[in-house]
C-alpha atoms as a PDB file:
ATOM      1  CA  MET A   1     186.229 -96.426  84.131  1.00  0.00           C
ATOM      2  CA  ILE A   2     187.684 -93.350  82.470  1.00  0.00           C
ATOM      3  CA  ASP A   3     186.040 -91.071  85.064  1.00  0.00           C
ATOM      4  CA  ASN A   4     187.461 -93.183  87.887  1.00  0.00           C
ATOM      5  CA  ARG A   5     190.967 -92.892  86.516  1.00  0.00           C
ATOM      6  CA  LEU A   6     190.623 -89.139  86.138  1.00  0.00           C
ATOM      7  CA  ASN A   7     189.556 -88.713  89.752  1.00  0.00           C
ATOM      8  CA  MET A   8     192.081 -90.995  91.459  1.00  0.00           C
ATOM      9  CA  ASN A   9     194.012 -87.979  92.812  1.00  0.00           C
ATOM     10  CA  GLY A  10     190.945 -86.476  94.461  1.00  0.00           C
ATOM     11  CA  TYR A  11     190.654 -83.504  92.122  1.00  0.00           C
ATOM     12  CA  PRO A  12     189.219 -83.284  88.624  1.00  0.00           C
ATOM     13  CA  THR A  13     191.877 -82.777  85.949  1.00  0.00           C
ATOM     14  CA  THR A  14     189.475 -81.938  83.121  1.00  0.00           C
ATOM     15  CA  ILE A  15     186.275 -79.968  82.949  1.00  0.00           C
ATOM     16  CA  GLU A  16     183.314 -82.239  83.752  1.00  0.00           C
ATOM     17  CA  GLY A  17     180.409 -79.854  83.341  1.00  0.00           C
ATOM     18  CA  ALA A  18     178.890 -76.719  84.791  1.00  0.00           C
ATOM     19  CA  ARG A  19     177.940 -76.823  88.474  1.00  0.00           C
ATOM     20  CA  GLU A  20     176.219 -74.311  90.688  1.00  0.00           C
ATOM     21  CA  GLU A  21     179.188 -74.094  93.071  1.00  0.00           C
ATOM     22  CA  THR A  22     181.495 -73.447  90.130  1.00  0.00           C
ATOM     23  CA  ALA A  23     179.292 -70.597  88.920  1.00  0.00           C
ATOM     24  CA  SER A  24     179.336 -69.168  92.437  1.00  0.00           C
ATOM     25  CA  LEU A  25     183.134 -69.431  92.586  1.00  0.00           C
ATOM     26  CA  LEU A  26     183.469 -67.722  89.207  1.00  0.00           C
ATOM     27  CA  ALA A  27     181.175 -64.903  90.335  1.00  0.00           C
ATOM     28  CA  LYS A  28     183.285 -64.377  93.466  1.00  0.00           C
ATOM     29  CA  VAL A  29     186.526 -64.372  91.489  1.00  0.00           C
ATOM     30  CA  LEU A  30     185.220 -61.914  88.902  1.00  0.00           C
ATOM     31  CA  GLY A  31     183.795 -59.648  91.616  1.00  0.00           C
ATOM     32  CA  ILE A  32     187.037 -59.585  93.610  1.00  0.00           C
ATOM     33  CA  THR A  33     189.139 -59.092  90.485  1.00  0.00           C
ATOM     34  CA  SER A  34     186.949 -56.268  89.167  1.00  0.00           C
ATOM     35  CA  LEU A  35     187.208 -54.439  92.494  1.00  0.00           C
ATOM     36  CA  GLY A  36     190.953 -54.952  92.375  1.00  0.00           C
ATOM     37  CA  PHE A  37     191.200 -53.298  88.964  1.00  0.00           C
ATOM     38  CA  LEU A  38     189.239 -50.282  90.180  1.00  0.00           C
ATOM     39  CA  ILE A  39     191.680 -49.907  93.071  1.00  0.00           C
ATOM     40  CA  THR A  40     194.614 -50.318  90.674  1.00  0.00           C
ATOM     41  CA  ALA A  41     193.243 -47.473  88.546  1.00  0.00           C
ATOM     42  CA  PHE A  42     193.185 -45.303  91.672  1.00  0.00           C
ATOM     43  CA  GLY A  43     196.735 -46.400  92.462  1.00  0.00           C
ATOM     44  CA  VAL A  44     197.875 -45.403  88.971  1.00  0.00           C
ATOM     45  CA  ALA A  45     196.182 -42.011  89.295  1.00  0.00           C
ATOM     46  CA  THR A  46     197.877 -41.299  92.637  1.00  0.00           C
ATOM     47  CA  ALA A  47     201.289 -42.852  91.884  1.00  0.00           C
ATOM     48  CA  PRO A  48     204.244 -40.465  92.288  1.00  0.00           C
ATOM     49  CA  ALA A  49     207.081 -40.534  89.770  1.00  0.00           C
ATOM     50  CA  TRP A  50     209.314 -42.547  92.134  1.00  0.00           C
ATOM     51  CA  SER A  51     206.750 -45.233  93.014  1.00  0.00           C
ATOM     52  CA  THR A  52     207.813 -48.087  90.719  1.00  0.00           C
ATOM     53  CA  LEU A  53     210.365 -49.734  93.030  1.00  0.00           C
ATOM     54  CA  PRO A  54     208.374 -49.307  96.283  1.00  0.00           C
ATOM     55  CA  GLY A  55     205.293 -50.595  94.486  1.00  0.00           C
ATOM     56  CA  MET A  56     207.163 -53.623  93.150  1.00  0.00           C
ATOM     57  CA  ILE A  57     208.534 -54.500  96.596  1.00  0.00           C
ATOM     58  CA  ALA A  58     205.107 -54.132  98.197  1.00  0.00           C
ATOM     59  CA  VAL A  59     203.497 -56.335  95.534  1.00  0.00           C
ATOM     60  CA  LEU A  60     206.088 -59.101  95.970  1.00  0.00           C
ATOM     61  CA  VAL A  61     205.740 -59.042  99.764  1.00  0.00           C
ATOM     62  CA  LEU A  62     201.950 -59.130  99.564  1.00  0.00           C
ATOM     63  CA  VAL A  63     201.939 -62.015  97.049  1.00  0.00           C
ATOM     64  CA  LEU A  64     204.006 -64.083  99.503  1.00  0.00           C
ATOM     65  CA  ALA A  65     201.813 -63.018 102.431  1.00  0.00           C
ATOM     66  CA  ILE A  66     198.625 -63.999 100.594  1.00  0.00           C
ATOM     67  CA  THR A  67     200.140 -67.388  99.764  1.00  0.00           C
ATOM     68  CA  PHE A  68     200.713 -68.127 103.446  1.00  0.00           C
ATOM     69  CA  THR A  69     197.425 -66.720 104.807  1.00  0.00           C
ATOM     70  CA  ARG A  70     194.854 -67.596 102.112  1.00  0.00           C
ATOM     71  CA  LYS A  71     193.603 -70.697 103.959  1.00  0.00           C
ATOM     72  CA  ALA A  72     194.148 -69.624 107.565  1.00  0.00           C
ATOM     73  CA  SER A  73     192.387 -66.271 107.191  1.00  0.00           C
ATOM     74  CA  PRO A  74     190.464 -65.669 103.937  1.00  0.00           C
ATOM     75  CA  THR A  75     189.315 -62.240 105.143  1.00  0.00           C
ATOM     76  CA  LEU A  76     192.885 -61.126 105.832  1.00  0.00           C
ATOM     77  CA  ALA A  77     193.973 -62.547 102.472  1.00  0.00           C
ATOM     78  CA  LEU A  78     191.251 -60.543 100.738  1.00  0.00           C
ATOM     79  CA  GLY A  79     192.377 -57.364 102.464  1.00  0.00           C
ATOM     80  CA  MET A  80     195.971 -57.989 101.437  1.00  0.00           C
ATOM     81  CA  PHE A  81     194.905 -58.692  97.854  1.00  0.00           C
ATOM     82  CA  LEU A  82     193.068 -55.365  97.631  1.00  0.00           C
ATOM     83  CA  THR A  83     196.094 -53.631  99.165  1.00  0.00           C
ATOM     84  CA  LEU A  84     198.279 -55.363  96.577  1.00  0.00           C
ATOM     85  CA  THR A  85     196.123 -54.027  93.755  1.00  0.00           C
ATOM     86  CA  TYR A  86     196.684 -50.476  94.993  1.00  0.00           C
ATOM     87  CA  PHE A  87     200.458 -50.906  95.077  1.00  0.00           C
ATOM     88  CA  MET A  88     200.342 -52.537  91.648  1.00  0.00           C
ATOM     89  CA  GLY A  89     198.977 -49.169  90.534  1.00  0.00           C
ATOM     90  CA  TRP A  90     202.051 -47.592  92.093  1.00  0.00           C
ATOM     91  CA  GLU A  91     204.320 -50.083  90.338  1.00  0.00           C
ATOM     92  CA  ILE A  92     202.936 -49.512  86.850  1.00  0.00           C
ATOM     93  CA  GLY A  93     201.751 -45.921  87.361  1.00  0.00           C
ATOM     94  CA  PRO A  94     204.906 -44.098  86.178  1.00  0.00           C
ATOM     95  CA  LEU A  95     205.013 -46.331  83.091  1.00  0.00           C
ATOM     96  CA  ILE A  96     201.353 -45.632  82.296  1.00  0.00           C
ATOM     97  CA  HIS A  97     201.949 -41.898  82.731  1.00  0.00           C
ATOM     98  CA  ARG A  98     204.835 -42.053  80.260  1.00  0.00           C
ATOM     99  CA  TYR A  99     202.647 -43.855  77.732  1.00  0.00           C
ATOM    100  CA  VAL A 100     199.953 -41.189  78.154  1.00  0.00           C
ATOM    101  CA  GLN A 101     202.516 -38.441  77.529  1.00  0.00           C
ATOM    102  CA  THR A 102     204.164 -40.114  74.523  1.00  0.00           C
ATOM    103  CA  VAL A 103     201.325 -41.864  72.664  1.00  0.00           C
ATOM    104  CA  GLY A 104     198.175 -40.472  74.263  1.00  0.00           C
ATOM    105  CA  SER A 105     195.524 -41.643  76.690  1.00  0.00           C
ATOM    106  CA  ALA A 106     193.438 -43.195  73.886  1.00  0.00           C
ATOM    107  CA  VAL A 107     196.081 -45.893  73.344  1.00  0.00           C
ATOM    108  CA  VAL A 108     196.071 -46.750  77.043  1.00  0.00           C
ATOM    109  CA  PHE A 109     192.276 -46.943  77.038  1.00  0.00           C
ATOM    110  CA  ASN A 110     192.265 -49.129  73.920  1.00  0.00           C
ATOM    111  CA  ALA A 111     194.826 -51.467  75.477  1.00  0.00           C
ATOM    112  CA  ALA A 112     192.688 -51.789  78.606  1.00  0.00           C
ATOM    113  CA  ALA A 113     189.531 -52.428  76.564  1.00  0.00           C
ATOM    114  CA  THR A 114     191.331 -54.992  74.391  1.00  0.00           C
ATOM    115  CA  THR A 115     192.586 -56.748  77.507  1.00  0.00           C
ATOM    116  CA  GLY A 116     189.090 -56.873  78.974  1.00  0.00           C
ATOM    117  CA  LEU A 117     187.597 -58.314  75.795  1.00  0.00           C
ATOM    118  CA  GLY A 118     190.437 -60.791  75.506  1.00  0.00           C
ATOM    119  CA  MET A 119     189.983 -61.990  79.088  1.00  0.00           C
ATOM    120  CA  ALA A 120     186.279 -62.511  78.420  1.00  0.00           C
ATOM    121  CA  ALA A 121     187.070 -64.493  75.268  1.00  0.00           C
ATOM    122  CA  MET A 122     189.579 -66.678  77.113  1.00  0.00           C
ATOM    123  CA  GLY A 123     187.032 -67.340  79.830  1.00  0.00           C
ATOM    124  CA  CYS A 124     184.554 -68.465  77.189  1.00  0.00           C
ATOM    125  CA  VAL A 125     187.134 -70.793  75.636  1.00  0.00           C
ATOM    126  CA  ALA A 126     187.838 -72.363  79.028  1.00  0.00           C
ATOM    127  CA  TYR A 127     184.123 -72.913  79.631  1.00  0.00           C
ATOM    128  CA  LEU A 128     183.331 -74.258  76.157  1.00  0.00           C
ATOM    129  CA  PHE A 129     186.113 -76.823  75.790  1.00  0.00           C
ATOM    130  CA  ASN A 130     187.481 -79.649  77.919  1.00  0.00           C
ATOM    131  CA  ILE A 131     190.874 -78.417  79.100  1.00  0.00           C
ATOM    132  CA  ASN A 132     193.421 -80.113  81.326  1.00  0.00           C
ATOM    133  CA  TYR A 133     194.334 -77.047  83.361  1.00  0.00           C
ATOM    134  CA  ARG A 134     197.232 -78.734  85.138  1.00  0.00           C
ATOM    135  CA  ARG A 135     198.980 -79.498  81.884  1.00  0.00           C
ATOM    136  CA  ILE A 136     198.283 -75.983  80.596  1.00  0.00           C
ATOM    137  CA  ALA A 137     199.631 -74.451  83.819  1.00  0.00           C
ATOM    138  CA  GLY A 138     202.773 -76.578  83.682  1.00  0.00           C
ATOM    139  CA  ILE A 139     203.538 -75.647  80.080  1.00  0.00           C
ATOM    140  CA  GLY A 140     202.762 -71.975  80.717  1.00  0.00           C
ATOM    141  CA  PHE A 141     204.933 -71.782  83.839  1.00  0.00           C
ATOM    142  CA  ALA A 142     207.882 -73.451  82.098  1.00  0.00           C
ATOM    143  CA  ALA A 143     207.527 -71.070  79.149  1.00  0.00           C
ATOM    144  CA  LEU A 144     207.369 -68.105  81.532  1.00  0.00           C
ATOM    145  CA  LEU A 145     210.613 -69.131  83.243  1.00  0.00           C
ATOM    146  CA  LEU A 146     212.319 -69.429  79.856  1.00  0.00           C
ATOM    147  CA  LEU A 147     210.983 -66.006  78.842  1.00  0.00           C
ATOM    148  CA  ILE A 148     212.311 -64.419  82.038  1.00  0.00           C
ATOM    149  CA  ILE A 149     215.733 -65.961  81.466  1.00  0.00           C
ATOM    150  CA  ALA A 150     215.715 -64.857  77.814  1.00  0.00           C
ATOM    151  CA  GLY A 151     214.640 -61.351  78.831  1.00  0.00           C
ATOM    152  CA  ILE A 152     217.495 -61.039  81.320  1.00  0.00           C
ATOM    153  CA  ALA A 153     219.984 -62.357  78.755  1.00  0.00           C
ATOM    154  CA  SER A 154     218.640 -59.957  76.137  1.00  0.00           C
ATOM    155  CA  MET A 155     219.439 -57.038  78.426  1.00  0.00           C
ATOM    156  CA  PHE A 156     223.121 -57.841  77.848  1.00  0.00           C
ATOM    157  CA  PHE A 157     223.162 -59.343  74.344  1.00  0.00           C
ATOM    158  CA  HIS A 158     220.227 -57.434  72.757  1.00  0.00           C
ATOM    159  CA  PHE A 159     218.844 -60.315  70.694  1.00  0.00           C
ATOM    160  CA  MET A 160     215.180 -59.634  71.451  1.00  0.00           C
ATOM    161  CA  THR A 161     213.184 -56.517  70.608  1.00  0.00           C
ATOM    162  CA  PRO A 162     210.581 -55.116  73.042  1.00  0.00           C
ATOM    163  CA  ASP A 163     207.805 -56.064  70.622  1.00  0.00           C
ATOM    164  CA  THR A 164     209.065 -59.657  70.364  1.00  0.00           C
ATOM    165  CA  TYR A 165     209.172 -59.894  74.151  1.00  0.00           C
ATOM    166  CA  SER A 166     205.650 -58.471  74.336  1.00  0.00           C
ATOM    167  CA  TRP A 167     204.289 -60.974  71.792  1.00  0.00           C
ATOM    168  CA  LEU A 168     205.844 -63.851  73.745  1.00  0.00           C
ATOM    169  CA  THR A 169     204.467 -62.436  76.996  1.00  0.00           C
ATOM    170  CA  LEU A 170     201.031 -62.135  75.431  1.00  0.00           C
ATOM    171  CA  GLY A 171     201.103 -65.736  74.221  1.00  0.00           C
ATOM    172  CA  ILE A 172     202.300 -67.194  77.520  1.00  0.00           C
ATOM    173  CA  PHE A 173     199.838 -65.287  79.701  1.00  0.00           C
ATOM    174  CA  THR A 174     197.008 -66.094  77.326  1.00  0.00           C
ATOM    175  CA  LEU A 175     197.811 -69.763  77.917  1.00  0.00           C
ATOM    176  CA  LEU A 176     198.011 -69.239  81.680  1.00  0.00           C
ATOM    177  CA  THR A 177     194.714 -67.322  81.697  1.00  0.00           C
ATOM    178  CA  VAL A 178     192.875 -70.100  79.873  1.00  0.00           C
ATOM    179  CA  GLY A 179     194.341 -72.546  82.375  1.00  0.00           C
ATOM    180  CA  ASP A 180     193.248 -70.411  85.330  1.00  0.00           C
ATOM    181  CA  PHE A 181     189.681 -70.117  84.037  1.00  0.00           C
ATOM    182  CA  ALA A 182     189.630 -73.864  83.384  1.00  0.00           C
ATOM    183  CA  ARG A 183     190.783 -74.413  86.975  1.00  0.00           C
ATOM    184  CA  ILE A 184     187.871 -72.314  88.221  1.00  0.00           C
ATOM    185  CA  ARG A 185     185.385 -74.270  86.119  1.00  0.00           C
ATOM    186  CA  ALA A 186     186.827 -77.507  87.489  1.00  0.00           C
ATOM    187  CA  GLY A 187     186.082 -76.330  91.038  1.00  0.00           C
ATOM    188  CA  GLY A 188     189.229 -74.398  91.912  1.00  0.00           C
ATOM    189  CA  ASP A 189     191.481 -77.384  92.711  1.00  0.00           C
ATOM    190  CA  GLY A 190     191.158 -76.592  96.410  1.00  0.00           C
ATOM    191  CA  ARG A 191     192.241 -72.970  95.998  1.00  0.00           C
ATOM    192  CA  SER A 192     190.331 -70.082  97.562  1.00  0.00           C
ATOM    193  CA  ALA A 193     188.510 -67.371  95.625  1.00  0.00           C
ATOM    194  CA  VAL A 194     191.185 -64.848  96.662  1.00  0.00           C
ATOM    195  CA  SER A 195     194.006 -67.064  95.405  1.00  0.00           C
ATOM    196  CA  LEU A 196     192.241 -67.621  92.087  1.00  0.00           C
ATOM    197  CA  SER A 197     191.510 -63.888  91.815  1.00  0.00           C
ATOM    198  CA  LEU A 198     195.192 -63.128  92.337  1.00  0.00           C
ATOM    199  CA  SER A 199     196.134 -65.443  89.455  1.00  0.00           C
ATOM    200  CA  ILE A 200     193.556 -63.943  87.080  1.00  0.00           C
ATOM    201  CA  TYR A 201     194.517 -60.408  88.139  1.00  0.00           C
ATOM    202  CA  LEU A 202     198.238 -60.934  87.507  1.00  0.00           C
ATOM    203  CA  ASP A 203     197.477 -62.589  84.165  1.00  0.00           C
ATOM    204  CA  ALA A 204     195.424 -59.570  83.109  1.00  0.00           C
ATOM    205  CA  ILE A 205     198.039 -57.039  84.246  1.00  0.00           C
ATOM    206  CA  ASN A 206     200.759 -58.744  82.212  1.00  0.00           C
ATOM    207  CA  ILE A 207     198.501 -59.047  79.165  1.00  0.00           C
ATOM    208  CA  PHE A 208     197.550 -55.367  79.447  1.00  0.00           C
ATOM    209  CA  LEU A 209     201.185 -54.251  79.598  1.00  0.00           C
ATOM    210  CA  ALA A 210     202.091 -56.437  76.608  1.00  0.00           C
ATOM    211  CA  VAL A 211     199.157 -55.135  74.561  1.00  0.00           C
ATOM    212  CA  LEU A 212     200.005 -51.555  75.553  1.00  0.00           C
ATOM    213  CA  GLN A 213     203.598 -51.994  74.380  1.00  0.00           C
ATOM    214  CA  LEU A 214     202.473 -53.433  71.039  1.00  0.00           C
ATOM    215  CA  MET A 215     199.842 -50.733  70.452  1.00  0.00           C
ATOM    216  CA  SER A 216     202.213 -47.917  71.392  1.00  0.00           C
ATOM    217  CA  GLY A 217     204.883 -49.355  69.070  1.00  0.00           C
ATOM    218  CA  ARG A 218     202.474 -49.244  66.149  1.00  0.00           C
ATOM    219  CA  ARG A 219     201.440 -45.703  67.088  1.00  0.00           C
ATOM    220  CA  ARG A 220     205.068 -44.530  67.063  1.00  0.00           C
ATOM    221  CA  ASP A 221     205.616 -46.178  63.673  1.00  0.00           C
END
């Protein structure tokens, strides 16, 4: 009776066990995301000093485009996702270059490695425990909106330090990442591999930038 109540909406809301199709979906998501990070690294390496704003605009446009085309044309959506990952490199490239100049490339590498290990750990948590990904996503999204509002307000009233903002960002995107991996294990909730890859990719980028800020702050101290 419990299982029937959980499945009344047509989609599972908690993890019900490993399935072959779920493993296949996870493999696709990880493969697409990994390729995206390689392209982002190339984008960072080739980013000019003025690329942050053009990169940001391109990323926002491509996120919207992927949202509207992910079901109608998965191949086109995949191509746009990979294009997005290049322009994400443009968006964050000047920032990464500044970190390399001020605190050294080792800190950037350590932040990337820490992010990778953390993503793996969060994936394991999502696959080991029964998690209601919809509830997690709702809480995480609400917290993210509050953080954005607080960040904008702090620009004028200066009540939040960069490290505090980074810790909050790290906590919120950790929650969202666990929810996204739990969604994949539950079958994707009707979302395509490209759409799920985009969520995991954006989670990882935000976690990486937060970790990089925290590590560079300690290095300066």
